[in-house]
Amino acid sequence: MERNDEYGANLLKIIGERLKYLRKHYAVQVERLTEALGVSRNQYYLYEQGVSSISVVGLKRLADFYHVSLELLTNNHLPELGRSTFFHCYAADDLDELVKTKEVFISNHNDSLLMIKAKDRFMLFETMQNCPTINGVYFFEHNGAKKVAELLFVGDPSDKNGIVLVLFNKDNPVSMKRKDLFILARHVGDYVETIPGRFIEQ
């Protein structure tokens, strides 16, 4: 049984304050967060108010969404987020699923970026704050695996019951339901060369 003591209450308060700060800092719509967690708006606000505990899985999903560590969400000794932000690079593994690499990058202009290492370049993605509105290349999660592909929306992109054509291979599009894709970021550009630990200029 979960202990409802002072330590637990303080931890919930810290988590709630961090979640509220990140949501407002990035101007994220609550609907994006409820979609990520599979909860109602009311339940999400209870997390921010520190009166309801969020599961470890839910907390990790939000950490991945904002590209921050679990420590940042739970540790009251960490300083507030500054203008310079560390973020990670992803690369495809042997199963063609995207996983974080050991490289860490720093941005002093845009703190909602992530990079994906392709064969000949680094693909730069920006975290989605709202639902997608146009076709394009997106970083998304499907059945627990992170993927990158061109998405062609059949009808309204914001329609969760709509159909999406996923082009892993341009000659063989795969039809999927929009609600089965959790879209994390959109492709905004490429870098031919980059150095871990160096500032990335906008």
C-alpha atoms as a PDB file:
ATOM      1  CA  MET A   1       0.000   0.000   0.000  1.00  0.00           C
ATOM      2  CA  GLU A   2       1.262   3.481  -0.887  1.00  0.00           C
ATOM      3  CA  ARG A   3       2.368   5.585   2.066  1.00  0.00           C
ATOM      4  CA  ASN A   4       0.734   8.992   2.226  1.00  0.00           C
ATOM      5  CA  ASP A   5       3.393  10.693   4.373  1.00  0.00           C
ATOM      6  CA  GLU A   6       5.153  14.060   4.267  1.00  0.00           C
ATOM      7  CA  TYR A   7       7.887  12.792   1.940  1.00  0.00           C
ATOM      8  CA  GLY A   8       5.340  11.512  -0.579  1.00  0.00           C
ATOM      9  CA  ALA A   9       3.292  14.706  -0.384  1.00  0.00           C
ATOM     10  CA  ASN A  10       6.396  16.846  -1.003  1.00  0.00           C
ATOM     11  CA  LEU A  11       7.418  14.672  -3.939  1.00  0.00           C
ATOM     12  CA  LEU A  12       3.985  15.013  -5.553  1.00  0.00           C
ATOM     13  CA  LYS A  13       4.195  18.784  -5.079  1.00  0.00           C
ATOM     14  CA  ILE A  14       7.635  18.925  -6.750  1.00  0.00           C
ATOM     15  CA  ILE A  15       6.460  16.805  -9.683  1.00  0.00           C
ATOM     16  CA  GLY A  16       3.346  18.935 -10.088  1.00  0.00           C
ATOM     17  CA  GLU A  17       5.327  22.173 -10.066  1.00  0.00           C
ATOM     18  CA  ARG A  18       7.787  20.840 -12.662  1.00  0.00           C
ATOM     19  CA  LEU A  19       4.992  19.591 -14.934  1.00  0.00           C
ATOM     20  CA  LYS A  20       3.199  22.925 -14.739  1.00  0.00           C
ATOM     21  CA  TYR A  21       6.422  24.831 -15.401  1.00  0.00           C
ATOM     22  CA  LEU A  22       7.272  22.732 -18.468  1.00  0.00           C
ATOM     23  CA  ARG A  23       3.750  22.949 -19.886  1.00  0.00           C
ATOM     24  CA  LYS A  24       3.698  26.731 -19.597  1.00  0.00           C
ATOM     25  CA  HIS A  25       7.341  27.162 -20.647  1.00  0.00           C
ATOM     26  CA  TYR A  26       6.745  25.287 -23.905  1.00  0.00           C
ATOM     27  CA  ALA A  27       3.121  26.481 -24.323  1.00  0.00           C
ATOM     28  CA  VAL A  28       1.949  22.886 -24.699  1.00  0.00           C
ATOM     29  CA  GLN A  29      -1.754  22.223 -25.061  1.00  0.00           C
ATOM     30  CA  VAL A  30      -3.151  20.040 -22.277  1.00  0.00           C
ATOM     31  CA  GLU A  31      -4.694  17.770 -24.917  1.00  0.00           C
ATOM     32  CA  ARG A  32      -1.198  16.763 -26.064  1.00  0.00           C
ATOM     33  CA  LEU A  33      -0.348  15.672 -22.525  1.00  0.00           C
ATOM     34  CA  THR A  34      -3.609  13.826 -21.914  1.00  0.00           C
ATOM     35  CA  GLU A  35      -3.027  12.014 -25.213  1.00  0.00           C
ATOM     36  CA  ALA A  36       0.455  10.987 -24.077  1.00  0.00           C
ATOM     37  CA  LEU A  37      -0.822   9.704 -20.733  1.00  0.00           C
ATOM     38  CA  GLY A  38      -4.247   8.416 -21.745  1.00  0.00           C
ATOM     39  CA  VAL A  39      -5.969  10.351 -18.958  1.00  0.00           C
ATOM     40  CA  SER A  40      -8.655  13.050 -18.730  1.00  0.00           C
ATOM     41  CA  ARG A  41      -7.958  16.777 -18.420  1.00  0.00           C
ATOM     42  CA  ASN A  42      -9.160  16.706 -14.817  1.00  0.00           C
ATOM     43  CA  GLN A  43      -6.793  13.874 -13.942  1.00  0.00           C
ATOM     44  CA  TYR A  44      -3.847  15.665 -15.535  1.00  0.00           C
ATOM     45  CA  TYR A  45      -4.560  18.846 -13.588  1.00  0.00           C
ATOM     46  CA  LEU A  46      -4.587  16.771 -10.389  1.00  0.00           C
ATOM     47  CA  TYR A  47      -1.003  15.765 -11.237  1.00  0.00           C
ATOM     48  CA  GLU A  48       0.004  19.419 -11.623  1.00  0.00           C
ATOM     49  CA  GLN A  49      -1.715  20.326  -8.368  1.00  0.00           C
ATOM     50  CA  GLY A  50       0.257  17.615  -6.581  1.00  0.00           C
ATOM     51  CA  VAL A  51      -2.813  15.885  -5.174  1.00  0.00           C
ATOM     52  CA  SER A  52      -2.714  12.732  -7.319  1.00  0.00           C
ATOM     53  CA  SER A  53       0.241  10.446  -7.972  1.00  0.00           C
ATOM     54  CA  ILE A  54       1.297   9.687 -11.531  1.00  0.00           C
ATOM     55  CA  SER A  55       2.603   6.246 -12.495  1.00  0.00           C
ATOM     56  CA  VAL A  56       6.292   5.692 -13.215  1.00  0.00           C
ATOM     57  CA  VAL A  57       5.385   4.886 -16.820  1.00  0.00           C
ATOM     58  CA  GLY A  58       3.391   8.107 -17.124  1.00  0.00           C
ATOM     59  CA  LEU A  59       6.207  10.144 -15.607  1.00  0.00           C
ATOM     60  CA  LYS A  60       8.721   8.585 -18.026  1.00  0.00           C
ATOM     61  CA  ARG A  61       6.452   9.352 -20.987  1.00  0.00           C
ATOM     62  CA  LEU A  62       6.331  13.015 -19.966  1.00  0.00           C
ATOM     63  CA  ALA A  63      10.108  13.080 -19.444  1.00  0.00           C
ATOM     64  CA  ASP A  64      10.539  11.729 -22.983  1.00  0.00           C
ATOM     65  CA  PHE A  65       7.952  14.191 -24.300  1.00  0.00           C
ATOM     66  CA  TYR A  66       9.871  17.166 -22.919  1.00  0.00           C
ATOM     67  CA  HIS A  67      13.292  15.523 -23.449  1.00  0.00           C
ATOM     68  CA  VAL A  68      14.267  15.913 -19.813  1.00  0.00           C
ATOM     69  CA  SER A  69      15.394  13.423 -17.191  1.00  0.00           C
ATOM     70  CA  LEU A  70      13.269  11.814 -14.500  1.00  0.00           C
ATOM     71  CA  GLU A  71      15.636  13.474 -12.040  1.00  0.00           C
ATOM     72  CA  LEU A  72      14.599  16.909 -13.270  1.00  0.00           C
ATOM     73  CA  LEU A  73      10.942  16.042 -12.658  1.00  0.00           C
ATOM     74  CA  THR A  74      11.480  14.665  -9.159  1.00  0.00           C
ATOM     75  CA  ASN A  75      14.568  16.258  -7.567  1.00  0.00           C
ATOM     76  CA  ASN A  76      13.960  19.463  -5.606  1.00  0.00           C
ATOM     77  CA  HIS A  77      17.708  20.243  -5.503  1.00  0.00           C
ATOM     78  CA  LEU A  78      17.982  20.872  -9.246  1.00  0.00           C
ATOM     79  CA  PRO A  79      18.097  24.476 -10.486  1.00  0.00           C
ATOM     80  CA  GLU A  80      15.379  25.815 -12.734  1.00  0.00           C
ATOM     81  CA  LEU A  81      15.699  25.338 -16.466  1.00  0.00           C
ATOM     82  CA  GLY A  82      17.901  27.965 -18.054  1.00  0.00           C
ATOM     83  CA  ARG A  83      18.245  29.141 -21.623  1.00  0.00           C
ATOM     84  CA  SER A  84      20.934  26.577 -22.441  1.00  0.00           C
ATOM     85  CA  THR A  85      19.485  23.099 -22.635  1.00  0.00           C
ATOM     86  CA  PHE A  86      21.033  19.662 -23.050  1.00  0.00           C
ATOM     87  CA  PHE A  87      19.273  17.357 -25.463  1.00  0.00           C
ATOM     88  CA  HIS A  88      19.918  13.939 -26.947  1.00  0.00           C
ATOM     89  CA  CYS A  89      20.530  12.409 -30.323  1.00  0.00           C
ATOM     90  CA  TYR A  90      18.690   9.313 -31.566  1.00  0.00           C
ATOM     91  CA  ALA A  91      19.950   6.672 -34.002  1.00  0.00           C
ATOM     92  CA  ALA A  92      18.456   3.517 -35.493  1.00  0.00           C
ATOM     93  CA  ASP A  93      19.398   0.215 -33.833  1.00  0.00           C
ATOM     94  CA  ASP A  94      19.593  -3.263 -35.404  1.00  0.00           C
ATOM     95  CA  LEU A  95      15.777  -3.523 -35.328  1.00  0.00           C
ATOM     96  CA  ASP A  96      15.465  -0.134 -37.074  1.00  0.00           C
ATOM     97  CA  GLU A  97      14.016   1.397 -33.919  1.00  0.00           C
ATOM     98  CA  LEU A  98      15.264   4.767 -32.696  1.00  0.00           C
ATOM     99  CA  VAL A  99      17.225   4.764 -29.440  1.00  0.00           C
ATOM    100  CA  LYS A 100      19.185   7.467 -27.636  1.00  0.00           C
ATOM    101  CA  THR A 101      22.905   7.647 -28.346  1.00  0.00           C
ATOM    102  CA  LYS A 102      25.584   8.617 -25.838  1.00  0.00           C
ATOM    103  CA  GLU A 103      26.119  11.995 -27.503  1.00  0.00           C
ATOM    104  CA  VAL A 104      24.712  15.051 -25.759  1.00  0.00           C
ATOM    105  CA  PHE A 105      24.178  18.384 -27.497  1.00  0.00           C
ATOM    106  CA  ILE A 106      23.514  21.880 -26.240  1.00  0.00           C
ATOM    107  CA  SER A 107      21.274  24.519 -27.745  1.00  0.00           C
ATOM    108  CA  ASN A 108      21.284  28.150 -26.655  1.00  0.00           C
ATOM    109  CA  HIS A 109      18.447  29.189 -28.953  1.00  0.00           C
ATOM    110  CA  ASN A 110      15.826  26.477 -29.054  1.00  0.00           C
ATOM    111  CA  ASP A 111      15.252  24.168 -26.106  1.00  0.00           C
ATOM    112  CA  SER A 112      12.709  21.877 -27.779  1.00  0.00           C
ATOM    113  CA  LEU A 113      15.036  20.198 -30.266  1.00  0.00           C
ATOM    114  CA  LEU A 114      16.219  16.656 -30.828  1.00  0.00           C
ATOM    115  CA  MET A 115      18.479  15.152 -33.465  1.00  0.00           C
ATOM    116  CA  ILE A 116      18.305  11.869 -35.328  1.00  0.00           C
ATOM    117  CA  LYS A 117      21.476  10.502 -36.859  1.00  0.00           C
ATOM    118  CA  ALA A 118      20.940   9.408 -40.461  1.00  0.00           C
ATOM    119  CA  LYS A 119      23.563   7.851 -42.740  1.00  0.00           C
ATOM    120  CA  ASP A 120      24.854  11.108 -44.180  1.00  0.00           C
ATOM    121  CA  ARG A 121      23.443  13.842 -41.946  1.00  0.00           C
ATOM    122  CA  PHE A 122      21.812  14.768 -38.661  1.00  0.00           C
ATOM    123  CA  MET A 123      18.070  15.353 -38.979  1.00  0.00           C
ATOM    124  CA  LEU A 124      16.849  18.161 -36.731  1.00  0.00           C
ATOM    125  CA  PHE A 125      13.370  17.842 -35.186  1.00  0.00           C
ATOM    126  CA  GLU A 126      11.320  20.244 -33.096  1.00  0.00           C
ATOM    127  CA  THR A 127       8.981  19.006 -30.376  1.00  0.00           C
ATOM    128  CA  MET A 128       5.310  19.218 -31.333  1.00  0.00           C
ATOM    129  CA  GLN A 129       3.385  21.549 -29.035  1.00  0.00           C
ATOM    130  CA  ASN A 130       0.116  21.104 -30.909  1.00  0.00           C
ATOM    131  CA  CYS A 131      -1.421  18.436 -33.119  1.00  0.00           C
ATOM    132  CA  PRO A 132       0.078  18.269 -36.631  1.00  0.00           C
ATOM    133  CA  THR A 133      -1.691  20.272 -39.312  1.00  0.00           C
ATOM    134  CA  ILE A 134       0.213  19.344 -42.484  1.00  0.00           C
ATOM    135  CA  ASN A 135       1.902  16.377 -44.144  1.00  0.00           C
ATOM    136  CA  GLY A 136       5.615  15.988 -43.475  1.00  0.00           C
ATOM    137  CA  VAL A 137       8.381  13.967 -41.858  1.00  0.00           C
ATOM    138  CA  TYR A 138       7.675  13.256 -38.196  1.00  0.00           C
ATOM    139  CA  PHE A 139       9.267  11.544 -35.204  1.00  0.00           C
ATOM    140  CA  PHE A 140       6.577   9.400 -33.599  1.00  0.00           C
ATOM    141  CA  GLU A 141       5.865   6.426 -31.357  1.00  0.00           C
ATOM    142  CA  HIS A 142       3.949   3.357 -32.551  1.00  0.00           C
ATOM    143  CA  ASN A 143       3.400   0.259 -30.424  1.00  0.00           C
ATOM    144  CA  GLY A 144       6.084   1.434 -27.996  1.00  0.00           C
ATOM    145  CA  ALA A 145       8.759   1.893 -30.691  1.00  0.00           C
ATOM    146  CA  LYS A 146      10.052   5.289 -31.815  1.00  0.00           C
ATOM    147  CA  LYS A 147      10.161   5.797 -35.583  1.00  0.00           C
ATOM    148  CA  VAL A 148      10.731   8.443 -38.242  1.00  0.00           C
ATOM    149  CA  ALA A 149       8.782   8.532 -41.490  1.00  0.00           C
ATOM    150  CA  GLU A 150       6.905  10.798 -43.842  1.00  0.00           C
ATOM    151  CA  LEU A 151       3.243  11.013 -42.837  1.00  0.00           C
ATOM    152  CA  LEU A 152       0.460  11.752 -45.306  1.00  0.00           C
ATOM    153  CA  PHE A 153      -2.803  12.540 -43.543  1.00  0.00           C
ATOM    154  CA  VAL A 154      -6.003  11.405 -45.247  1.00  0.00           C
ATOM    155  CA  GLY A 155      -8.446  14.157 -44.323  1.00  0.00           C
ATOM    156  CA  ASP A 156      -8.053  16.337 -41.228  1.00  0.00           C
ATOM    157  CA  PRO A 157      -4.662  15.676 -39.489  1.00  0.00           C
ATOM    158  CA  SER A 158      -6.202  16.487 -36.083  1.00  0.00           C
ATOM    159  CA  ASP A 159      -8.907  13.823 -36.483  1.00  0.00           C
ATOM    160  CA  LYS A 160      -7.828  11.036 -34.111  1.00  0.00           C
ATOM    161  CA  ASN A 161     -10.078   8.567 -35.960  1.00  0.00           C
ATOM    162  CA  GLY A 162      -8.580   9.435 -39.341  1.00  0.00           C
ATOM    163  CA  ILE A 163      -6.162   7.482 -41.510  1.00  0.00           C
ATOM    164  CA  VAL A 164      -2.457   8.197 -42.023  1.00  0.00           C
ATOM    165  CA  LEU A 165      -0.265   6.861 -44.827  1.00  0.00           C
ATOM    166  CA  VAL A 166       3.150   6.123 -43.307  1.00  0.00           C
ATOM    167  CA  LEU A 167       6.000   6.141 -45.806  1.00  0.00           C
ATOM    168  CA  PHE A 168       8.837   4.133 -44.273  1.00  0.00           C
ATOM    169  CA  ASN A 169       9.531   3.307 -47.914  1.00  0.00           C
ATOM    170  CA  LYS A 170       8.133   5.689 -50.545  1.00  0.00           C
ATOM    171  CA  ASP A 171       7.251   2.770 -52.814  1.00  0.00           C
ATOM    172  CA  ASN A 172       5.272   0.973 -50.117  1.00  0.00           C
ATOM    173  CA  PRO A 173       3.077   3.247 -47.930  1.00  0.00           C
ATOM    174  CA  VAL A 174       1.514   1.676 -44.834  1.00  0.00           C
ATOM    175  CA  SER A 175      -1.998   2.687 -43.778  1.00  0.00           C
ATOM    176  CA  MET A 176      -2.410   3.290 -40.030  1.00  0.00           C
ATOM    177  CA  LYS A 177      -4.993   4.832 -37.749  1.00  0.00           C
ATOM    178  CA  ARG A 178      -4.100   8.318 -36.524  1.00  0.00           C
ATOM    179  CA  LYS A 179      -4.943   7.355 -32.933  1.00  0.00           C
ATOM    180  CA  ASP A 180      -2.305   4.596 -33.030  1.00  0.00           C
ATOM    181  CA  LEU A 181       0.481   7.144 -33.602  1.00  0.00           C
ATOM    182  CA  PHE A 182       1.781   9.410 -30.857  1.00  0.00           C
ATOM    183  CA  ILE A 183       3.535  12.178 -32.776  1.00  0.00           C
ATOM    184  CA  LEU A 184       6.451  13.683 -30.854  1.00  0.00           C
ATOM    185  CA  ALA A 185       8.255  16.072 -33.224  1.00  0.00           C
ATOM    186  CA  ARG A 186       8.412  17.399 -36.772  1.00  0.00           C
ATOM    187  CA  HIS A 187      11.409  17.585 -39.102  1.00  0.00           C
ATOM    188  CA  VAL A 188      12.643  21.173 -39.441  1.00  0.00           C
ATOM    189  CA  GLY A 189      16.056  20.832 -41.098  1.00  0.00           C
ATOM    190  CA  ASP A 190      19.350  18.981 -41.390  1.00  0.00           C
ATOM    191  CA  TYR A 191      22.955  19.370 -40.259  1.00  0.00           C
ATOM    192  CA  VAL A 192      25.719  17.764 -42.291  1.00  0.00           C
ATOM    193  CA  GLU A 193      28.207  17.961 -39.437  1.00  0.00           C
ATOM    194  CA  THR A 194      27.838  18.561 -35.730  1.00  0.00           C
ATOM    195  CA  ILE A 195      30.006  18.131 -32.656  1.00  0.00           C
ATOM    196  CA  PRO A 196      28.697  16.794 -29.319  1.00  0.00           C
ATOM    197  CA  GLY A 197      28.934  19.385 -26.583  1.00  0.00           C
ATOM    198  CA  ARG A 198      29.110  22.333 -28.968  1.00  0.00           C
ATOM    199  CA  PHE A 199      26.419  24.975 -29.306  1.00  0.00           C
ATOM    200  CA  ILE A 200      24.102  24.499 -32.225  1.00  0.00           C
ATOM    201  CA  GLU A 201      23.282  27.797 -33.877  1.00  0.00           C
ATOM    202  CA  GLN A 202      19.730  28.371 -35.037  1.00  0.00           C
END
